[in-house]
Amino acid sequence: MKIVIEFYRTRAEDDAQAVVGRETALAADVEDAIEIARLLATTLEMPQQPDAVLITGADGAMLYRGAIAAQAGWEGPTA
């Protein structure tokens, strides 16, 4: 399936979000999409270090949203 991965920063004061990176990819399933996002989070050059990720399908439906914990993995899916 085709997926869109958005990496973003969240401002604590007002929960404002800014997208700092966006990539499209092909994934076999949601778990594969999460693994691709994990890899990209560490290899993409982005203007800021993202603190969260949103993965959507080609139709725009949310597949996964979660925080990126620095070097310790991610929180579980919220979808």
PDB file of N, CA and C in Angstrom:
ATOM      1  N   MET A   1       0.839  -1.179   0.000  1.00  0.00           N
ATOM      2  CA  MET A   1       0.000   0.000   0.000  1.00  0.00           C
ATOM      3  C   MET A   1       0.879   1.236   0.000  1.00  0.00           C
ATOM      4  N   LYS A   2       0.355   2.297  -0.594  1.00  0.00           N
ATOM      5  CA  LYS A   2       1.079   3.561  -0.611  1.00  0.00           C
ATOM      6  C   LYS A   2       0.771   4.306   0.684  1.00  0.00           C
ATOM      7  N   ILE A   3       1.818   4.853   1.304  1.00  0.00           N
ATOM      8  CA  ILE A   3       1.654   5.595   2.560  1.00  0.00           C
ATOM      9  C   ILE A   3       2.317   6.960   2.452  1.00  0.00           C
ATOM     10  N   VAL A   4       1.859   7.876   3.291  1.00  0.00           N
ATOM     11  CA  VAL A   4       2.475   9.183   3.443  1.00  0.00           C
ATOM     12  C   VAL A   4       2.888   9.304   4.904  1.00  0.00           C
ATOM     13  N   ILE A   5       4.139   9.642   5.139  1.00  0.00           N
ATOM     14  CA  ILE A   5       4.668   9.784   6.495  1.00  0.00           C
ATOM     15  C   ILE A   5       4.997  11.254   6.721  1.00  0.00           C
ATOM     16  N   GLU A   6       4.397  11.845   7.747  1.00  0.00           N
ATOM     17  CA  GLU A   6       4.692  13.235   8.101  1.00  0.00           C
ATOM     18  C   GLU A   6       5.361  13.259   9.472  1.00  0.00           C
ATOM     19  N   PHE A   7       6.497  13.919   9.522  1.00  0.00           N
ATOM     20  CA  PHE A   7       7.204  14.119  10.776  1.00  0.00           C
ATOM     21  C   PHE A   7       6.936  15.543  11.219  1.00  0.00           C
ATOM     22  N   TYR A   8       6.640  15.737  12.494  1.00  0.00           N
ATOM     23  CA  TYR A   8       6.346  17.092  12.938  1.00  0.00           C
ATOM     24  C   TYR A   8       6.843  17.365  14.341  1.00  0.00           C
ATOM     25  N   ARG A   9       6.899  18.662  14.654  1.00  0.00           N
ATOM     26  CA  ARG A   9       7.248  19.158  15.987  1.00  0.00           C
ATOM     27  C   ARG A   9       5.983  19.706  16.612  1.00  0.00           C
ATOM     28  N   THR A  10       5.852  19.542  17.908  1.00  0.00           N
ATOM     29  CA  THR A  10       4.706  20.073  18.638  1.00  0.00           C
ATOM     30  C   THR A  10       5.197  21.070  19.671  1.00  0.00           C
ATOM     31  N   ARG A  11       4.572  22.240  19.695  1.00  0.00           N
ATOM     32  CA  ARG A  11       4.917  23.263  20.676  1.00  0.00           C
ATOM     33  C   ARG A  11       4.067  23.028  21.924  1.00  0.00           C
ATOM     34  N   ALA A  12       4.711  22.865  23.073  1.00  0.00           N
ATOM     35  CA  ALA A  12       4.029  22.509  24.318  1.00  0.00           C
ATOM     36  C   ALA A  12       3.038  23.566  24.793  1.00  0.00           C
ATOM     37  N   GLU A  13       3.358  24.839  24.579  1.00  0.00           N
ATOM     38  CA  GLU A  13       2.508  25.909  25.119  1.00  0.00           C
ATOM     39  C   GLU A  13       1.082  25.860  24.574  1.00  0.00           C
ATOM     40  N   ASP A  14       0.935  25.560  23.286  1.00  0.00           N
ATOM     41  CA  ASP A  14      -0.404  25.605  22.689  1.00  0.00           C
ATOM     42  C   ASP A  14      -0.706  24.418  21.770  1.00  0.00           C
ATOM     43  N   ASP A  15       0.122  23.392  21.819  1.00  0.00           N
ATOM     44  CA  ASP A  15      -0.027  22.189  20.992  1.00  0.00           C
ATOM     45  C   ASP A  15       0.006  22.465  19.493  1.00  0.00           C
ATOM     46  N   ALA A  16       0.563  23.592  19.081  1.00  0.00           N
ATOM     47  CA  ALA A  16       0.712  23.882  17.661  1.00  0.00           C
ATOM     48  C   ALA A  16       1.670  22.860  17.048  1.00  0.00           C
ATOM     49  N   GLN A  17       1.398  22.461  15.809  1.00  0.00           N
ATOM     50  CA  GLN A  17       2.232  21.477  15.137  1.00  0.00           C
ATOM     51  C   GLN A  17       2.791  22.059  13.846  1.00  0.00           C
ATOM     52  N   ALA A  18       4.032  21.708  13.552  1.00  0.00           N
ATOM     53  CA  ALA A  18       4.678  22.123  12.315  1.00  0.00           C
ATOM     54  C   ALA A  18       5.305  20.900  11.658  1.00  0.00           C
ATOM     55  N   VAL A  19       4.973  20.662  10.412  1.00  0.00           N
ATOM     56  CA  VAL A  19       5.543  19.540   9.677  1.00  0.00           C
ATOM     57  C   VAL A  19       6.986  19.892   9.313  1.00  0.00           C
ATOM     58  N   VAL A  20       7.915  19.000   9.676  1.00  0.00           N
ATOM     59  CA  VAL A  20       9.332  19.225   9.379  1.00  0.00           C
ATOM     60  C   VAL A  20       9.853  18.252   8.321  1.00  0.00           C
ATOM     61  N   GLY A  21       9.028  17.285   7.928  1.00  0.00           N
ATOM     62  CA  GLY A  21       9.414  16.340   6.893  1.00  0.00           C
ATOM     63  C   GLY A  21       8.227  15.546   6.416  1.00  0.00           C
ATOM     64  N   ARG A  22       8.226  15.194   5.130  1.00  0.00           N
ATOM     65  CA  ARG A  22       7.139  14.389   4.563  1.00  0.00           C
ATOM     66  C   ARG A  22       7.737  13.482   3.500  1.00  0.00           C
ATOM     67  N   GLU A  23       7.372  12.218   3.545  1.00  0.00           N
ATOM     68  CA  GLU A  23       7.849  11.241   2.568  1.00  0.00           C
ATOM     69  C   GLU A  23       6.707  10.316   2.182  1.00  0.00           C
ATOM     70  N   THR A  24       6.749   9.796   0.964  1.00  0.00           N
ATOM     71  CA  THR A  24       5.826   8.748   0.545  1.00  0.00           C
ATOM     72  C   THR A  24       6.620   7.465   0.377  1.00  0.00           C
ATOM     73  N   ALA A  25       5.957   6.349   0.602  1.00  0.00           N
ATOM     74  CA  ALA A  25       6.627   5.056   0.505  1.00  0.00           C
ATOM     75  C   ALA A  25       5.599   3.971   0.237  1.00  0.00           C
ATOM     76  N   LEU A  26       6.069   2.785  -0.044  1.00  0.00           N
ATOM     77  CA  LEU A  26       5.211   1.617  -0.181  1.00  0.00           C
ATOM     78  C   LEU A  26       5.470   0.710   1.011  1.00  0.00           C
ATOM     79  N   ALA A  27       4.384   0.215   1.612  1.00  0.00           N
ATOM     80  CA  ALA A  27       4.497  -0.662   2.783  1.00  0.00           C
ATOM     81  C   ALA A  27       3.540  -1.837   2.631  1.00  0.00           C
ATOM     82  N   ALA A  28       3.919  -2.963   3.189  1.00  0.00           N
ATOM     83  CA  ALA A  28       3.082  -4.160   3.124  1.00  0.00           C
ATOM     84  C   ALA A  28       1.872  -4.056   4.043  1.00  0.00           C
ATOM     85  N   ASP A  29       2.075  -3.439   5.222  1.00  0.00           N
ATOM     86  CA  ASP A  29       1.003  -3.300   6.204  1.00  0.00           C
ATOM     87  C   ASP A  29       1.375  -2.183   7.175  1.00  0.00           C
ATOM     88  N   VAL A  30       0.557  -1.975   8.196  1.00  0.00           N
ATOM     89  CA  VAL A  30       0.799  -0.876   9.142  1.00  0.00           C
ATOM     90  C   VAL A  30       2.116  -1.070   9.884  1.00  0.00           C
ATOM     91  N   GLU A  31       2.417  -2.285  10.297  1.00  0.00           N
ATOM     92  CA  GLU A  31       3.666  -2.534  11.019  1.00  0.00           C
ATOM     93  C   GLU A  31       4.874  -2.209  10.145  1.00  0.00           C
ATOM     94  N   ASP A  32       4.795  -2.561   8.875  1.00  0.00           N
ATOM     95  CA  ASP A  32       5.873  -2.232   7.939  1.00  0.00           C
ATOM     96  C   ASP A  32       5.989  -0.717   7.775  1.00  0.00           C
ATOM     97  N   ALA A  33       4.855  -0.029   7.714  1.00  0.00           N
ATOM     98  CA  ALA A  33       4.858   1.430   7.590  1.00  0.00           C
ATOM     99  C   ALA A  33       5.537   2.082   8.793  1.00  0.00           C
ATOM    100  N   ILE A  34       5.275   1.570   9.988  1.00  0.00           N
ATOM    101  CA  ILE A  34       5.892   2.104  11.205  1.00  0.00           C
ATOM    102  C   ILE A  34       7.405   1.885  11.166  1.00  0.00           C
ATOM    103  N   GLU A  35       7.841   0.731  10.722  1.00  0.00           N
ATOM    104  CA  GLU A  35       9.272   0.452  10.620  1.00  0.00           C
ATOM    105  C   GLU A  35       9.944   1.388   9.612  1.00  0.00           C
ATOM    106  N   ILE A  36       9.276   1.641   8.494  1.00  0.00           N
ATOM    107  CA  ILE A  36       9.825   2.570   7.503  1.00  0.00           C
ATOM    108  C   ILE A  36       9.950   3.960   8.120  1.00  0.00           C
ATOM    109  N   ALA A  37       8.932   4.386   8.847  1.00  0.00           N
ATOM    110  CA  ALA A  37       8.968   5.704   9.492  1.00  0.00           C
ATOM    111  C   ALA A  37      10.090   5.780  10.516  1.00  0.00           C
ATOM    112  N   ARG A  38      10.298   4.737  11.280  1.00  0.00           N
ATOM    113  CA  ARG A  38      11.397   4.714  12.256  1.00  0.00           C
ATOM    114  C   ARG A  38      12.741   4.889  11.570  1.00  0.00           C
ATOM    115  N   LEU A  39      12.929   4.182  10.481  1.00  0.00           N
ATOM    116  CA  LEU A  39      14.184   4.289   9.740  1.00  0.00           C
ATOM    117  C   LEU A  39      14.363   5.700   9.185  1.00  0.00           C
ATOM    118  N   LEU A  40      13.312   6.233   8.573  1.00  0.00           N
ATOM    119  CA  LEU A  40      13.402   7.575   8.006  1.00  0.00           C
ATOM    120  C   LEU A  40      13.640   8.640   9.074  1.00  0.00           C
ATOM    121  N   ALA A  41      13.082   8.455  10.240  1.00  0.00           N
ATOM    122  CA  ALA A  41      13.259   9.439  11.320  1.00  0.00           C
ATOM    123  C   ALA A  41      14.719   9.599  11.699  1.00  0.00           C
ATOM    124  N   THR A  42      15.503   8.562  11.505  1.00  0.00           N
ATOM    125  CA  THR A  42      16.916   8.628  11.869  1.00  0.00           C
ATOM    126  C   THR A  42      17.819   8.954  10.697  1.00  0.00           C
ATOM    127  N   THR A  43      17.306   8.848   9.455  1.00  0.00           N
ATOM    128  CA  THR A  43      18.173   9.047   8.300  1.00  0.00           C
ATOM    129  C   THR A  43      17.871  10.298   7.478  1.00  0.00           C
ATOM    130  N   LEU A  44      16.655  10.810   7.552  1.00  0.00           N
ATOM    131  CA  LEU A  44      16.309  12.003   6.770  1.00  0.00           C
ATOM    132  C   LEU A  44      16.939  13.251   7.365  1.00  0.00           C
ATOM    133  N   GLU A  45      17.327  14.149   6.502  1.00  0.00           N
ATOM    134  CA  GLU A  45      17.796  15.453   6.967  1.00  0.00           C
ATOM    135  C   GLU A  45      16.585  16.370   7.042  1.00  0.00           C
ATOM    136  N   MET A  46      16.238  16.792   8.253  1.00  0.00           N
ATOM    137  CA  MET A  46      15.097  17.676   8.467  1.00  0.00           C
ATOM    138  C   MET A  46      15.579  18.927   9.190  1.00  0.00           C
ATOM    139  N   PRO A  47      14.873  20.049   9.032  1.00  0.00           N
ATOM    140  CA  PRO A  47      15.325  21.292   9.654  1.00  0.00           C
ATOM    141  C   PRO A  47      15.328  21.247  11.181  1.00  0.00           C
ATOM    142  N   GLN A  48      14.483  20.401  11.764  1.00  0.00           N
ATOM    143  CA  GLN A  48      14.448  20.192  13.209  1.00  0.00           C
ATOM    144  C   GLN A  48      14.236  18.714  13.462  1.00  0.00           C
ATOM    145  N   GLN A  49      14.588  18.264  14.662  1.00  0.00           N
ATOM    146  CA  GLN A  49      14.357  16.881  15.048  1.00  0.00           C
ATOM    147  C   GLN A  49      12.870  16.698  15.336  1.00  0.00           C
ATOM    148  N   PRO A  50      12.178  15.799  14.631  1.00  0.00           N
ATOM    149  CA  PRO A  50      10.749  15.622  14.889  1.00  0.00           C
ATOM    150  C   PRO A  50      10.492  14.983  16.245  1.00  0.00           C
ATOM    151  N   ASP A  51       9.334  15.291  16.835  1.00  0.00           N
ATOM    152  CA  ASP A  51       8.965  14.637  18.083  1.00  0.00           C
ATOM    153  C   ASP A  51       7.718  13.774  17.928  1.00  0.00           C
ATOM    154  N   ALA A  52       7.129  13.753  16.713  1.00  0.00           N
ATOM    155  CA  ALA A  52       5.955  12.921  16.477  1.00  0.00           C
ATOM    156  C   ALA A  52       5.855  12.588  14.995  1.00  0.00           C
ATOM    157  N   VAL A  53       5.024  11.598  14.692  1.00  0.00           N
ATOM    158  CA  VAL A  53       4.853  11.147  13.317  1.00  0.00           C
ATOM    159  C   VAL A  53       3.380  10.839  13.069  1.00  0.00           C
ATOM    160  N   LEU A  54       2.956  11.067  11.829  1.00  0.00           N
ATOM    161  CA  LEU A  54       1.620  10.708  11.374  1.00  0.00           C
ATOM    162  C   LEU A  54       1.787   9.917  10.093  1.00  0.00           C
ATOM    163  N   ILE A  55       1.174   8.736  10.038  1.00  0.00           N
ATOM    164  CA  ILE A  55       1.219   7.908   8.836  1.00  0.00           C
ATOM    165  C   ILE A  55      -0.202   7.778   8.327  1.00  0.00           C
ATOM    166  N   THR A  56      -0.395   8.126   7.052  1.00  0.00           N
ATOM    167  CA  THR A  56      -1.713   7.998   6.428  1.00  0.00           C
ATOM    168  C   THR A  56      -1.599   7.124   5.193  1.00  0.00           C
ATOM    169  N   GLY A  57      -2.740   6.571   4.802  1.00  0.00           N
ATOM    170  CA  GLY A  57      -2.805   5.807   3.571  1.00  0.00           C
ATOM    171  C   GLY A  57      -2.944   6.756   2.391  1.00  0.00           C
ATOM    172  N   ALA A  58      -2.944   6.207   1.183  1.00  0.00           N
ATOM    173  CA  ALA A  58      -3.074   7.021  -0.017  1.00  0.00           C
ATOM    174  C   ALA A  58      -4.398   7.771  -0.045  1.00  0.00           C
ATOM    175  N   ASP A  59      -5.412   7.236   0.629  1.00  0.00           N
ATOM    176  CA  ASP A  59      -6.726   7.879   0.667  1.00  0.00           C
ATOM    177  C   ASP A  59      -6.838   8.933   1.766  1.00  0.00           C
ATOM    178  N   GLY A  60      -5.763   9.132   2.534  1.00  0.00           N
ATOM    179  CA  GLY A  60      -5.754  10.125   3.600  1.00  0.00           C
ATOM    180  C   GLY A  60      -6.200   9.600   4.956  1.00  0.00           C
ATOM    181  N   ALA A  61      -6.588   8.341   5.030  1.00  0.00           N
ATOM    182  CA  ALA A  61      -7.018   7.754   6.307  1.00  0.00           C
ATOM    183  C   ALA A  61      -5.820   7.543   7.226  1.00  0.00           C
ATOM    184  N   MET A  62      -5.964   7.960   8.496  1.00  0.00           N
ATOM    185  CA  MET A  62      -4.871   7.814   9.454  1.00  0.00           C
ATOM    186  C   MET A  62      -4.645   6.338   9.780  1.00  0.00           C
ATOM    187  N   LEU A  63      -3.394   5.918   9.677  1.00  0.00           N
ATOM    188  CA  LEU A  63      -3.007   4.553  10.019  1.00  0.00           C
ATOM    189  C   LEU A  63      -2.293   4.497  11.362  1.00  0.00           C
ATOM    190  N   TYR A  64      -1.537   5.549  11.674  1.00  0.00           N
ATOM    191  CA  TYR A  64      -0.744   5.573  12.907  1.00  0.00           C
ATOM    192  C   TYR A  64      -0.421   7.015  13.249  1.00  0.00           C
ATOM    193  N   ARG A  65      -0.447   7.314  14.526  1.00  0.00           N
ATOM    194  CA  ARG A  65       0.032   8.605  15.033  1.00  0.00           C
ATOM    195  C   ARG A  65       0.700   8.322  16.365  1.00  0.00           C
ATOM    196  N   GLY A  66       1.885   8.870  16.563  1.00  0.00           N
ATOM    197  CA  GLY A  66       2.563   8.633  17.824  1.00  0.00           C
ATOM    198  C   GLY A  66       3.754   9.549  18.029  1.00  0.00           C
ATOM    199  N   ALA A  67       4.172   9.611  19.265  1.00  0.00           N
ATOM    200  CA  ALA A  67       5.344  10.403  19.633  1.00  0.00           C
ATOM    201  C   ALA A  67       6.602   9.611  19.339  1.00  0.00           C
ATOM    202  N   ILE A  68       7.662  10.333  19.035  1.00  0.00           N
ATOM    203  CA  ILE A  68       8.967   9.713  18.826  1.00  0.00           C
ATOM    204  C   ILE A  68       9.771   9.942  20.089  1.00  0.00           C
ATOM    205  N   ALA A  69      10.064   8.886  20.811  1.00  0.00           N
ATOM    206  CA  ALA A  69      10.901   8.989  22.005  1.00  0.00           C
ATOM    207  C   ALA A  69      12.354   8.900  21.571  1.00  0.00           C
ATOM    208  N   ALA A  70      13.141   9.841  21.950  1.00  0.00           N
ATOM    209  CA  ALA A  70      14.540   9.909  21.537  1.00  0.00           C
ATOM    210  C   ALA A  70      15.286   8.621  21.889  1.00  0.00           C
ATOM    211  N   GLN A  71      15.789   7.939  20.884  1.00  0.00           N
ATOM    212  CA  GLN A  71      16.633   6.761  21.001  1.00  0.00           C
ATOM    213  C   GLN A  71      16.003   5.578  21.743  1.00  0.00           C
ATOM    214  N   ALA A  72      14.769   5.700  22.208  1.00  0.00           N
ATOM    215  CA  ALA A  72      14.206   4.608  23.005  1.00  0.00           C
ATOM    216  C   ALA A  72      13.011   3.937  22.328  1.00  0.00           C
ATOM    217  N   GLY A  73      12.748   4.246  21.069  1.00  0.00           N
ATOM    218  CA  GLY A  73      11.584   3.676  20.404  1.00  0.00           C
ATOM    219  C   GLY A  73      10.414   4.619  20.472  1.00  0.00           C
ATOM    220  N   TRP A  74       9.271   4.148  20.085  1.00  0.00           N
ATOM    221  CA  TRP A  74       8.084   4.985  19.996  1.00  0.00           C
ATOM    222  C   TRP A  74       7.003   4.478  20.924  1.00  0.00           C
ATOM    223  N   GLU A  75       6.059   5.364  21.221  1.00  0.00           N
ATOM    224  CA  GLU A  75       4.879   4.958  21.969  1.00  0.00           C
ATOM    225  C   GLU A  75       4.006   4.117  21.050  1.00  0.00           C
ATOM    226  N   GLY A  76       3.066   3.400  21.612  1.00  0.00           N
ATOM    227  CA  GLY A  76       2.184   2.545  20.832  1.00  0.00           C
ATOM    228  C   GLY A  76       1.248   3.335  19.937  1.00  0.00           C
ATOM    229  N   PRO A  77       0.614   2.681  18.977  1.00  0.00           N
ATOM    230  CA  PRO A  77      -0.289   3.356  18.059  1.00  0.00           C
ATOM    231  C   PRO A  77      -1.490   3.947  18.768  1.00  0.00           C
ATOM    232  N   THR A  78      -1.991   5.061  18.231  1.00  0.00           N
ATOM    233  CA  THR A  78      -3.182   5.679  18.786  1.00  0.00           C
ATOM    234  C   THR A  78      -4.352   5.546  17.821  1.00  0.00           C
ATOM    235  N   ALA A  79      -4.151   4.846  16.726  1.00  0.00           N
ATOM    236  CA  ALA A  79      -5.219   4.672  15.736  1.00  0.00           C
ATOM    237  C   ALA A  79      -6.038   3.444  16.065  1.00  0.00           C
TER     238      ALA A  79
END
